[in-house]
N, C-alpha and C. Protein backbone atom coordinates (compact mmCIF):
# COMPACT_ATOMS: atom_id res chain seq x y z
N MET A 1 -2.90 -21.38 -12.93
CA MET A 1 -2.09 -20.53 -13.78
C MET A 1 -1.06 -19.81 -12.91
N THR A 2 0.20 -19.87 -13.31
CA THR A 2 1.24 -19.21 -12.53
C THR A 2 1.31 -17.74 -12.92
N ARG A 3 1.72 -16.96 -11.94
CA ARG A 3 1.86 -15.53 -12.16
C ARG A 3 3.29 -15.22 -12.55
N PRO A 4 3.50 -14.18 -13.36
CA PRO A 4 4.87 -13.83 -13.77
C PRO A 4 5.69 -13.34 -12.58
N TYR A 5 6.98 -13.60 -12.63
CA TYR A 5 7.89 -13.17 -11.58
C TYR A 5 7.98 -11.65 -11.58
N LYS A 6 7.84 -11.04 -10.41
CA LYS A 6 7.85 -9.58 -10.30
C LYS A 6 9.07 -9.06 -9.55
N GLY A 7 10.07 -9.89 -9.39
CA GLY A 7 11.29 -9.44 -8.72
C GLY A 7 11.26 -9.72 -7.23
N ASP A 8 12.32 -9.28 -6.57
CA ASP A 8 12.47 -9.49 -5.13
C ASP A 8 11.42 -8.69 -4.38
N ARG A 9 10.62 -9.36 -3.60
CA ARG A 9 9.55 -8.70 -2.85
C ARG A 9 9.50 -9.25 -1.44
N VAL A 10 8.90 -8.49 -0.55
CA VAL A 10 8.67 -8.91 0.82
C VAL A 10 7.19 -8.84 1.12
N SER A 11 6.77 -9.61 2.09
CA SER A 11 5.37 -9.63 2.47
C SER A 11 5.08 -8.54 3.49
N LEU A 12 3.90 -7.95 3.38
CA LEU A 12 3.46 -6.89 4.29
C LEU A 12 2.02 -7.20 4.67
N THR A 13 1.73 -7.14 5.95
CA THR A 13 0.37 -7.44 6.42
C THR A 13 -0.21 -6.19 7.07
N THR A 14 -1.48 -5.96 6.81
CA THR A 14 -2.17 -4.84 7.44
C THR A 14 -3.62 -5.22 7.70
N LYS A 15 -4.28 -4.46 8.50
CA LYS A 15 -5.70 -4.67 8.79
C LYS A 15 -6.45 -3.39 8.45
N ILE A 16 -7.60 -3.54 7.80
CA ILE A 16 -8.43 -2.40 7.45
C ILE A 16 -9.86 -2.67 7.91
N PRO A 17 -10.66 -1.63 8.07
CA PRO A 17 -12.05 -1.85 8.45
C PRO A 17 -12.77 -2.73 7.42
N ARG A 18 -13.68 -3.56 7.90
CA ARG A 18 -14.39 -4.52 7.05
C ARG A 18 -15.06 -3.86 5.85
N ALA A 19 -15.66 -2.69 6.04
CA ALA A 19 -16.34 -2.02 4.93
C ALA A 19 -15.37 -1.74 3.77
N TYR A 20 -14.14 -1.38 4.09
CA TYR A 20 -13.15 -1.12 3.04
C TYR A 20 -12.69 -2.42 2.40
N TYR A 21 -12.59 -3.47 3.17
CA TYR A 21 -12.22 -4.77 2.62
C TYR A 21 -13.29 -5.25 1.64
N ASP A 22 -14.55 -5.08 2.01
CA ASP A 22 -15.63 -5.48 1.12
C ASP A 22 -15.59 -4.67 -0.18
N LYS A 23 -15.33 -3.38 -0.06
CA LYS A 23 -15.23 -2.53 -1.25
C LYS A 23 -14.03 -2.93 -2.10
N LEU A 24 -12.92 -3.27 -1.47
CA LEU A 24 -11.74 -3.74 -2.18
C LEU A 24 -12.03 -5.04 -2.93
N ASN A 25 -12.77 -5.94 -2.30
CA ASN A 25 -13.16 -7.19 -2.97
C ASN A 25 -13.99 -6.90 -4.21
N ARG A 26 -14.92 -5.98 -4.10
CA ARG A 26 -15.77 -5.63 -5.24
C ARG A 26 -14.95 -5.00 -6.36
N LEU A 27 -14.00 -4.13 -6.00
CA LEU A 27 -13.14 -3.51 -7.00
C LEU A 27 -12.30 -4.57 -7.71
N SER A 28 -11.74 -5.48 -6.94
CA SER A 28 -10.93 -6.55 -7.51
C SER A 28 -11.73 -7.41 -8.48
N ALA A 29 -12.94 -7.74 -8.09
CA ALA A 29 -13.80 -8.55 -8.95
C ALA A 29 -14.17 -7.80 -10.23
N ALA A 30 -14.40 -6.50 -10.12
CA ALA A 30 -14.83 -5.70 -11.27
C ALA A 30 -13.68 -5.45 -12.26
N THR A 31 -12.46 -5.30 -11.74
CA THR A 31 -11.33 -4.93 -12.60
C THR A 31 -10.47 -6.12 -12.99
N GLY A 32 -10.53 -7.20 -12.21
CA GLY A 32 -9.67 -8.35 -12.46
C GLY A 32 -8.28 -8.17 -11.88
N GLU A 33 -8.01 -7.03 -11.26
CA GLU A 33 -6.71 -6.78 -10.62
C GLU A 33 -6.73 -7.41 -9.23
N THR A 34 -5.65 -8.05 -8.83
CA THR A 34 -5.63 -8.65 -7.51
C THR A 34 -5.58 -7.57 -6.44
N LYS A 35 -6.07 -7.90 -5.26
CA LYS A 35 -6.03 -6.96 -4.14
C LYS A 35 -4.58 -6.62 -3.80
N VAL A 36 -3.71 -7.61 -3.85
CA VAL A 36 -2.29 -7.41 -3.52
C VAL A 36 -1.66 -6.41 -4.50
N ASP A 37 -1.91 -6.57 -5.79
CA ASP A 37 -1.33 -5.66 -6.78
C ASP A 37 -1.88 -4.24 -6.61
N TYR A 38 -3.16 -4.12 -6.31
CA TYR A 38 -3.78 -2.81 -6.11
C TYR A 38 -3.15 -2.09 -4.91
N ILE A 39 -3.04 -2.79 -3.80
CA ILE A 39 -2.48 -2.19 -2.59
C ILE A 39 -1.01 -1.85 -2.78
N ALA A 40 -0.25 -2.75 -3.40
CA ALA A 40 1.17 -2.50 -3.65
C ALA A 40 1.34 -1.26 -4.51
N ALA A 41 0.52 -1.10 -5.55
CA ALA A 41 0.62 0.07 -6.43
C ALA A 41 0.35 1.36 -5.67
N LEU A 42 -0.62 1.34 -4.75
CA LEU A 42 -0.92 2.54 -3.96
C LEU A 42 0.26 2.91 -3.05
N ILE A 43 0.83 1.92 -2.40
CA ILE A 43 1.96 2.18 -1.51
C ILE A 43 3.15 2.72 -2.29
N ILE A 44 3.46 2.07 -3.42
CA ILE A 44 4.60 2.49 -4.24
C ILE A 44 4.39 3.91 -4.76
N LYS A 45 3.18 4.21 -5.23
CA LYS A 45 2.87 5.55 -5.74
C LYS A 45 3.10 6.61 -4.66
N ASP A 46 2.63 6.33 -3.43
CA ASP A 46 2.79 7.28 -2.34
C ASP A 46 4.26 7.43 -1.95
N LEU A 47 4.97 6.31 -1.84
CA LEU A 47 6.38 6.37 -1.45
C LEU A 47 7.23 7.09 -2.49
N ASP A 48 6.87 6.97 -3.76
CA ASP A 48 7.61 7.66 -4.81
C ASP A 48 7.50 9.17 -4.70
N THR A 49 6.49 9.69 -4.01
CA THR A 49 6.33 11.14 -3.88
C THR A 49 7.13 11.71 -2.71
N LEU A 50 7.66 10.84 -1.86
CA LEU A 50 8.34 11.29 -0.65
C LEU A 50 9.84 11.43 -0.85
N ASP A 51 10.41 12.46 -0.25
CA ASP A 51 11.86 12.59 -0.17
C ASP A 51 12.24 12.08 1.22
N ILE A 52 12.58 10.80 1.29
CA ILE A 52 12.83 10.16 2.58
C ILE A 52 14.00 10.81 3.33
N ASP A 53 15.00 11.32 2.60
CA ASP A 53 16.12 11.99 3.26
C ASP A 53 15.65 13.24 4.01
N ALA A 54 14.70 13.97 3.44
CA ALA A 54 14.16 15.16 4.10
C ALA A 54 13.31 14.77 5.30
N VAL A 55 12.57 13.69 5.18
CA VAL A 55 11.72 13.24 6.28
C VAL A 55 12.56 12.77 7.45
N GLU A 56 13.62 12.03 7.16
CA GLU A 56 14.49 11.53 8.24
C GLU A 56 15.20 12.65 8.96
N GLY A 57 15.44 13.78 8.29
CA GLY A 57 16.15 14.89 8.90
C GLY A 57 15.28 15.78 9.78
N GLN A 58 13.98 15.55 9.81
CA GLN A 58 13.07 16.38 10.58
C GLN A 58 12.91 15.85 11.99
N GLU A 59 12.71 16.76 12.92
CA GLU A 59 12.38 16.36 14.27
C GLU A 59 10.89 16.19 14.39
N PRO A 60 10.44 15.23 15.21
CA PRO A 60 8.99 15.05 15.38
C PRO A 60 8.35 16.32 15.94
N LEU A 61 7.12 16.57 15.53
CA LEU A 61 6.38 17.70 16.09
C LEU A 61 6.03 17.41 17.54
N PRO A 62 6.03 18.44 18.40
CA PRO A 62 5.67 18.22 19.80
C PRO A 62 4.20 17.80 19.93
N MET A 63 3.93 16.94 20.86
CA MET A 63 2.55 16.50 21.11
C MET A 63 1.83 17.62 21.86
N SER A 64 0.61 17.93 21.42
CA SER A 64 -0.17 18.95 22.13
C SER A 64 -1.31 18.27 22.88
N ALA A 65 -1.78 18.94 23.90
CA ALA A 65 -2.83 18.37 24.73
C ALA A 65 -4.18 18.50 24.13
């Protein structure tokens, strides 16, 4: 079965601890939502809360010992 077109997208790869991957697999199986869609929704939700212009204008905090 083909999936509906979701627009222009790019691939993103990350690594997470195995315990979280196993939990993600269980969530995906229980809800029927793909892991990719779940992760993408979390990233988009978080990015929507940020004012990137304000973040870019800040200087990094000094590193402390």
